[in-house]
Amino acid sequence: LVVKERELRYTLENIGMKPKLVVTDSQVVMKVVSDIPDDVELTTFSILESRYRGDLSYFVESVKKIEELQDGDKVVIMEGCTHRPLTEDIGRVKIPRWLVNHTGAKIEFKVIAGKEFPDVEELEGAKLIIHCGACVLNRSAMMRRVRMSKRLGIPMTNYGVTISYLHGVLDRAIRVFKKEVEV
C-alpha cells in the first residue's frame, strides 16, 4: 500500500489492520513517526538503501561523530551522481542547516558529486562524510567508498541515518534491523 504522508493517519485508521512495516521518505520521517503506533516498525528508503548497498552498522556508528563537530570543522556531502540541485536540496541545503542547528557550530561544508571516489586531497581535514542514498551506485561501488573512508579515518554516514539522528528518531528508524545494528 502506498500513501502520501498526509494520507497516512486516515489510511491507518480505516484499513482495518496494522501494517508490519512503514517505509517513508527521510524528509517526512518526523510526520510519519507521529502518525503511526509505536508497535509498527518504521524505516526510511535511504536507510534501506544504506543497508542494501552500504554498511548500515558503520553509518550508525559514524553518525554519532556529529556530537563532536566544532567551529571550523569540515563535513563532506558526497553524492553518487551529478543531479541538478534543487532550491531546497536535501544534501546541499537541508542537511547542512539541520547540522548547524543541532551542533551550534560554524561548519564548513564541501559538496563532492560524481560516480568516482574523489581524490584524497579533496577529503583532507574532513571530520565526517555524509553520503547520499547511493541510488545510482551498486553495492560494490558504495562499499569501495566505505572502505576508503575507513582507510582515511573519516567516519561516513548517509542522508537517511543523519536525518533520522538529527530529528531524534534514529532508534525507531533502525529498530527493524535491531539484530544487525546497535545504536
C-alpha atoms as a PDB file:
ATOM      1  CA  LEU A   1       0.000   0.000   0.000  1.00  0.00           C
ATOM      2  CA  VAL A   2       1.433   3.394  -0.977  1.00  0.00           C
ATOM      3  CA  VAL A   3       0.091   6.631   0.513  1.00  0.00           C
ATOM      4  CA  LYS A   4       1.194  10.230   0.846  1.00  0.00           C
ATOM      5  CA  GLU A   5       2.304  11.288   4.309  1.00  0.00           C
ATOM      6  CA  ARG A   6      -0.780  13.492   4.629  1.00  0.00           C
ATOM      7  CA  GLU A   7      -2.996  10.418   3.993  1.00  0.00           C
ATOM      8  CA  LEU A   8      -1.196   8.049   6.368  1.00  0.00           C
ATOM      9  CA  ARG A   9      -3.133   8.599   9.594  1.00  0.00           C
ATOM     10  CA  TYR A  10      -6.521   8.376   7.834  1.00  0.00           C
ATOM     11  CA  THR A  11      -5.443   5.243   5.962  1.00  0.00           C
ATOM     12  CA  LEU A  12      -4.215   3.515   9.124  1.00  0.00           C
ATOM     13  CA  GLU A  13      -7.462   4.346  10.913  1.00  0.00           C
ATOM     14  CA  ASN A  14      -9.563   2.909   8.081  1.00  0.00           C
ATOM     15  CA  ILE A  15      -7.566  -0.005   6.670  1.00  0.00           C
ATOM     16  CA  GLY A  16      -8.752  -2.483   9.291  1.00  0.00           C
ATOM     17  CA  MET A  17      -5.289  -3.808  10.186  1.00  0.00           C
ATOM     18  CA  LYS A  18      -1.865  -2.568  11.221  1.00  0.00           C
ATOM     19  CA  PRO A  19       0.998  -2.760   8.767  1.00  0.00           C
ATOM     20  CA  LYS A  20       4.098  -4.628   9.927  1.00  0.00           C
ATOM     21  CA  LEU A  21       6.398  -2.005   8.416  1.00  0.00           C
ATOM     22  CA  VAL A  22       6.128   1.585   7.212  1.00  0.00           C
ATOM     23  CA  VAL A  23       8.847   2.843   4.855  1.00  0.00           C
ATOM     24  CA  THR A  24       8.998   6.605   4.390  1.00  0.00           C
ATOM     25  CA  ASP A  25      11.000   9.306   2.715  1.00  0.00           C
ATOM     26  CA  SER A  26      13.589  10.618   5.176  1.00  0.00           C
ATOM     27  CA  GLN A  27      12.383  14.188   4.810  1.00  0.00           C
ATOM     28  CA  VAL A  28       8.971  13.375   6.318  1.00  0.00           C
ATOM     29  CA  VAL A  29      10.092  10.868   8.956  1.00  0.00           C
ATOM     30  CA  MET A  30       9.034  13.185  11.808  1.00  0.00           C
ATOM     31  CA  LYS A  31       5.477  13.457  10.495  1.00  0.00           C
ATOM     32  CA  VAL A  32       5.246   9.731   9.844  1.00  0.00           C
ATOM     33  CA  VAL A  33       6.646   8.691  13.234  1.00  0.00           C
ATOM     34  CA  SER A  34       3.989  10.797  14.948  1.00  0.00           C
ATOM     35  CA  ASP A  35       1.207   9.203  12.876  1.00  0.00           C
ATOM     36  CA  ILE A  36       1.955   5.510  13.421  1.00  0.00           C
ATOM     37  CA  PRO A  37       1.643   3.394  16.560  1.00  0.00           C
ATOM     38  CA  ASP A  38       4.894   2.560  18.353  1.00  0.00           C
ATOM     39  CA  ASP A  39       4.434  -1.160  17.719  1.00  0.00           C
ATOM     40  CA  VAL A  40       4.571  -0.650  13.930  1.00  0.00           C
ATOM     41  CA  GLU A  41       8.099  -0.879  12.555  1.00  0.00           C
ATOM     42  CA  LEU A  42       9.385   2.157  10.676  1.00  0.00           C
ATOM     43  CA  THR A  43      12.359   2.903   8.475  1.00  0.00           C
ATOM     44  CA  THR A  44      13.265   5.137   5.543  1.00  0.00           C
ATOM     45  CA  PHE A  45      14.089   4.451   1.913  1.00  0.00           C
ATOM     46  CA  SER A  46      17.562   5.852   2.497  1.00  0.00           C
ATOM     47  CA  ILE A  47      18.213   3.572   5.462  1.00  0.00           C
ATOM     48  CA  LEU A  48      17.045   0.586   3.413  1.00  0.00           C
ATOM     49  CA  GLU A  49      19.409   1.642   0.626  1.00  0.00           C
ATOM     50  CA  SER A  50      22.296   2.024   3.058  1.00  0.00           C
ATOM     51  CA  ARG A  51      21.661  -1.464   4.406  1.00  0.00           C
ATOM     52  CA  TYR A  52      21.434  -2.914   0.903  1.00  0.00           C
ATOM     53  CA  ARG A  53      24.296  -1.021  -0.758  1.00  0.00           C
ATOM     54  CA  GLY A  54      26.479   0.062   2.139  1.00  0.00           C
ATOM     55  CA  ASP A  55      27.290  -0.706   5.770  1.00  0.00           C
ATOM     56  CA  LEU A  56      24.389   0.329   7.983  1.00  0.00           C
ATOM     57  CA  SER A  57      26.200  -0.510  11.239  1.00  0.00           C
ATOM     58  CA  TYR A  58      29.141   1.684  10.238  1.00  0.00           C
ATOM     59  CA  PHE A  59      26.829   4.528   9.189  1.00  0.00           C
ATOM     60  CA  VAL A  60      25.003   4.385  12.544  1.00  0.00           C
ATOM     61  CA  GLU A  61      28.316   4.341  14.429  1.00  0.00           C
ATOM     62  CA  SER A  62      29.662   7.230  12.343  1.00  0.00           C
ATOM     63  CA  VAL A  63      26.613   9.491  12.724  1.00  0.00           C
ATOM     64  CA  LYS A  64      27.444   9.876  16.421  1.00  0.00           C
ATOM     65  CA  LYS A  65      30.503  11.918  15.378  1.00  0.00           C
ATOM     66  CA  ILE A  66      28.078  14.776  14.773  1.00  0.00           C
ATOM     67  CA  GLU A  67      28.226  15.450  18.511  1.00  0.00           C
ATOM     68  CA  GLU A  68      31.973  16.161  18.231  1.00  0.00           C
ATOM     69  CA  LEU A  69      31.724  18.736  15.425  1.00  0.00           C
ATOM     70  CA  GLN A  70      33.093  22.165  16.279  1.00  0.00           C
ATOM     71  CA  ASP A  71      33.517  25.564  14.657  1.00  0.00           C
ATOM     72  CA  GLY A  72      35.644  25.300  11.525  1.00  0.00           C
ATOM     73  CA  ASP A  73      35.257  21.533  11.086  1.00  0.00           C
ATOM     74  CA  LYS A  74      34.768  20.293   7.541  1.00  0.00           C
ATOM     75  CA  VAL A  75      31.897  17.987   6.610  1.00  0.00           C
ATOM     76  CA  VAL A  76      31.831  16.471   3.134  1.00  0.00           C
ATOM     77  CA  ILE A  77      28.450  15.968   1.499  1.00  0.00           C
ATOM     78  CA  MET A  78      29.095  13.208  -1.034  1.00  0.00           C
ATOM     79  CA  GLU A  79      26.703  12.413  -3.850  1.00  0.00           C
ATOM     80  CA  GLY A  80      26.942   9.445  -6.184  1.00  0.00           C
ATOM     81  CA  CYS A  81      25.532  11.348  -9.145  1.00  0.00           C
ATOM     82  CA  THR A  82      25.643  14.803 -10.641  1.00  0.00           C
ATOM     83  CA  HIS A  83      21.961  15.721 -10.430  1.00  0.00           C
ATOM     84  CA  ARG A  84      20.887  19.297 -10.842  1.00  0.00           C
ATOM     85  CA  PRO A  85      20.425  20.667  -7.305  1.00  0.00           C
ATOM     86  CA  LEU A  86      17.010  21.923  -6.272  1.00  0.00           C
ATOM     87  CA  THR A  87      16.377  25.128  -4.326  1.00  0.00           C
ATOM     88  CA  GLU A  88      15.802  23.210  -1.075  1.00  0.00           C
ATOM     89  CA  ASP A  89      18.202  20.384  -1.955  1.00  0.00           C
ATOM     90  CA  ILE A  90      18.402  17.795   0.805  1.00  0.00           C
ATOM     91  CA  GLY A  91      22.192  17.388   0.747  1.00  0.00           C
ATOM     92  CA  ARG A  92      23.245  20.924  -0.074  1.00  0.00           C
ATOM     93  CA  VAL A  93      20.697  22.916   1.939  1.00  0.00           C
ATOM     94  CA  LYS A  94      18.581  20.963   4.411  1.00  0.00           C
ATOM     95  CA  ILE A  95      21.142  18.623   5.995  1.00  0.00           C
ATOM     96  CA  PRO A  96      23.713  21.422   6.429  1.00  0.00           C
ATOM     97  CA  ARG A  97      21.041  23.640   8.009  1.00  0.00           C
ATOM     98  CA  TRP A  98      19.901  20.863  10.371  1.00  0.00           C
ATOM     99  CA  LEU A  99      23.520  20.071  11.290  1.00  0.00           C
ATOM    100  CA  VAL A 100      24.302  23.681  12.153  1.00  0.00           C
ATOM    101  CA  ASN A 101      21.073  23.966  14.158  1.00  0.00           C
ATOM    102  CA  HIS A 102      21.860  20.743  16.022  1.00  0.00           C
ATOM    103  CA  THR A 103      25.507  21.455  16.806  1.00  0.00           C
ATOM    104  CA  GLY A 104      25.511  25.237  17.015  1.00  0.00           C
ATOM    105  CA  ALA A 105      28.880  25.050  15.236  1.00  0.00           C
ATOM    106  CA  LYS A 106      30.052  27.018  12.208  1.00  0.00           C
ATOM    107  CA  ILE A 107      30.767  24.046   9.986  1.00  0.00           C
ATOM    108  CA  GLU A 108      32.462  24.179   6.586  1.00  0.00           C
ATOM    109  CA  PHE A 109      30.563  22.095   4.039  1.00  0.00           C
ATOM    110  CA  LYS A 110      32.094  20.707   0.862  1.00  0.00           C
ATOM    111  CA  VAL A 111      29.907  19.014  -1.748  1.00  0.00           C
ATOM    112  CA  ILE A 112      31.519  16.357  -3.913  1.00  0.00           C
ATOM    113  CA  ALA A 113      29.380  14.748  -6.614  1.00  0.00           C
ATOM    114  CA  GLY A 114      30.030  12.005  -9.142  1.00  0.00           C
ATOM    115  CA  LYS A 115      30.353   8.269  -9.572  1.00  0.00           C
ATOM    116  CA  GLU A 116      34.095   8.241  -8.953  1.00  0.00           C
ATOM    117  CA  PHE A 117      35.521   8.459  -5.451  1.00  0.00           C
ATOM    118  CA  PRO A 118      37.200  11.858  -5.095  1.00  0.00           C
ATOM    119  CA  ASP A 119      40.919  12.441  -4.814  1.00  0.00           C
ATOM    120  CA  VAL A 120      42.178  12.027  -1.268  1.00  0.00           C
ATOM    121  CA  GLU A 121      43.227  15.697  -1.227  1.00  0.00           C
ATOM    122  CA  GLU A 122      39.587  16.758  -1.557  1.00  0.00           C
ATOM    123  CA  LEU A 123      38.785  14.952   1.694  1.00  0.00           C
ATOM    124  CA  GLU A 124      41.750  16.287   3.628  1.00  0.00           C
ATOM    125  CA  GLY A 125      40.736  17.585   7.035  1.00  0.00           C
ATOM    126  CA  ALA A 126      37.174  16.276   6.826  1.00  0.00           C
ATOM    127  CA  LYS A 127      35.662  15.194  10.138  1.00  0.00           C
ATOM    128  CA  LEU A 128      32.667  13.426   8.600  1.00  0.00           C
ATOM    129  CA  ILE A 129      31.350  12.283   5.222  1.00  0.00           C
ATOM    130  CA  ILE A 130      27.586  12.272   4.732  1.00  0.00           C
ATOM    131  CA  HIS A 131      26.738  10.236   1.640  1.00  0.00           C
ATOM    132  CA  CYS A 132      23.555  10.304  -0.393  1.00  0.00           C
ATOM    133  CA  GLY A 133      21.383   7.198  -0.680  1.00  0.00           C
ATOM    134  CA  ALA A 134      23.640   5.936  -3.494  1.00  0.00           C
ATOM    135  CA  CYS A 135      20.737   5.044  -5.775  1.00  0.00           C
ATOM    136  CA  VAL A 136      22.957   5.208  -8.880  1.00  0.00           C
ATOM    137  CA  LEU A 137      25.790   3.180  -7.323  1.00  0.00           C
ATOM    138  CA  ASN A 138      25.861  -0.576  -6.967  1.00  0.00           C
ATOM    139  CA  ARG A 139      26.898  -2.269  -3.718  1.00  0.00           C
ATOM    140  CA  SER A 140      30.458  -2.806  -4.902  1.00  0.00           C
ATOM    141  CA  ALA A 141      30.970   0.891  -5.710  1.00  0.00           C
ATOM    142  CA  MET A 142      29.410   2.025  -2.431  1.00  0.00           C
ATOM    143  CA  MET A 143      31.459  -0.443  -0.384  1.00  0.00           C
ATOM    144  CA  ARG A 144      34.641   0.858  -2.068  1.00  0.00           C
ATOM    145  CA  ARG A 145      33.672   4.302  -0.742  1.00  0.00           C
ATOM    146  CA  VAL A 146      33.044   2.883   2.730  1.00  0.00           C
ATOM    147  CA  ARG A 147      36.414   1.082   2.747  1.00  0.00           C
ATOM    148  CA  MET A 148      38.187   4.230   1.562  1.00  0.00           C
ATOM    149  CA  SER A 149      36.581   6.344   4.288  1.00  0.00           C
ATOM    150  CA  LYS A 150      37.678   3.778   6.877  1.00  0.00           C
ATOM    151  CA  ARG A 151      41.229   3.738   5.483  1.00  0.00           C
ATOM    152  CA  LEU A 152      41.361   7.523   5.622  1.00  0.00           C
ATOM    153  CA  GLY A 153      39.946   7.537   9.142  1.00  0.00           C
ATOM    154  CA  ILE A 154      36.998   9.729   8.141  1.00  0.00           C
ATOM    155  CA  PRO A 155      33.679   8.465   9.516  1.00  0.00           C
ATOM    156  CA  MET A 156      30.955   8.073   6.895  1.00  0.00           C
ATOM    157  CA  THR A 157      27.208   8.015   7.309  1.00  0.00           C
ATOM    158  CA  ASN A 158      24.357   8.652   4.909  1.00  0.00           C
ATOM    159  CA  TYR A 159      21.467  11.049   4.421  1.00  0.00           C
ATOM    160  CA  GLY A 160      18.760   8.838   5.928  1.00  0.00           C
ATOM    161  CA  VAL A 161      20.726   7.899   9.041  1.00  0.00           C
ATOM    162  CA  THR A 162      21.756  11.533   9.508  1.00  0.00           C
ATOM    163  CA  ILE A 163      18.244  12.920   9.111  1.00  0.00           C
ATOM    164  CA  SER A 164      16.737  10.365  11.490  1.00  0.00           C
ATOM    165  CA  TYR A 165      19.517  11.054  14.003  1.00  0.00           C
ATOM    166  CA  LEU A 166      19.146  14.835  13.826  1.00  0.00           C
ATOM    167  CA  HIS A 167      15.385  14.522  14.312  1.00  0.00           C
ATOM    168  CA  GLY A 168      15.764  12.164  17.276  1.00  0.00           C
ATOM    169  CA  VAL A 169      14.133   9.128  15.675  1.00  0.00           C
ATOM    170  CA  LEU A 170      17.131   7.018  14.633  1.00  0.00           C
ATOM    171  CA  ASP A 171      16.452   4.331  17.257  1.00  0.00           C
ATOM    172  CA  ARG A 172      12.964   3.887  15.860  1.00  0.00           C
ATOM    173  CA  ALA A 173      14.080   4.035  12.218  1.00  0.00           C
ATOM    174  CA  ILE A 174      16.595   1.203  12.643  1.00  0.00           C
ATOM    175  CA  ARG A 175      14.699  -0.868  15.219  1.00  0.00           C
ATOM    176  CA  VAL A 176      13.546  -3.218  12.451  1.00  0.00           C
ATOM    177  CA  PHE A 177      17.251  -4.091  11.994  1.00  0.00           C
ATOM    178  CA  LYS A 178      17.976  -4.499  15.734  1.00  0.00           C
ATOM    179  CA  LYS A 179      19.713  -7.868  15.230  1.00  0.00           C
ATOM    180  CA  GLU A 180      22.216  -6.205  12.889  1.00  0.00           C
ATOM    181  CA  VAL A 181      22.686  -2.714  14.300  1.00  0.00           C
ATOM    182  CA  GLU A 182      23.185  -1.168  17.714  1.00  0.00           C
ATOM    183  CA  VAL A 183      22.536   2.498  18.399  1.00  0.00           C
END
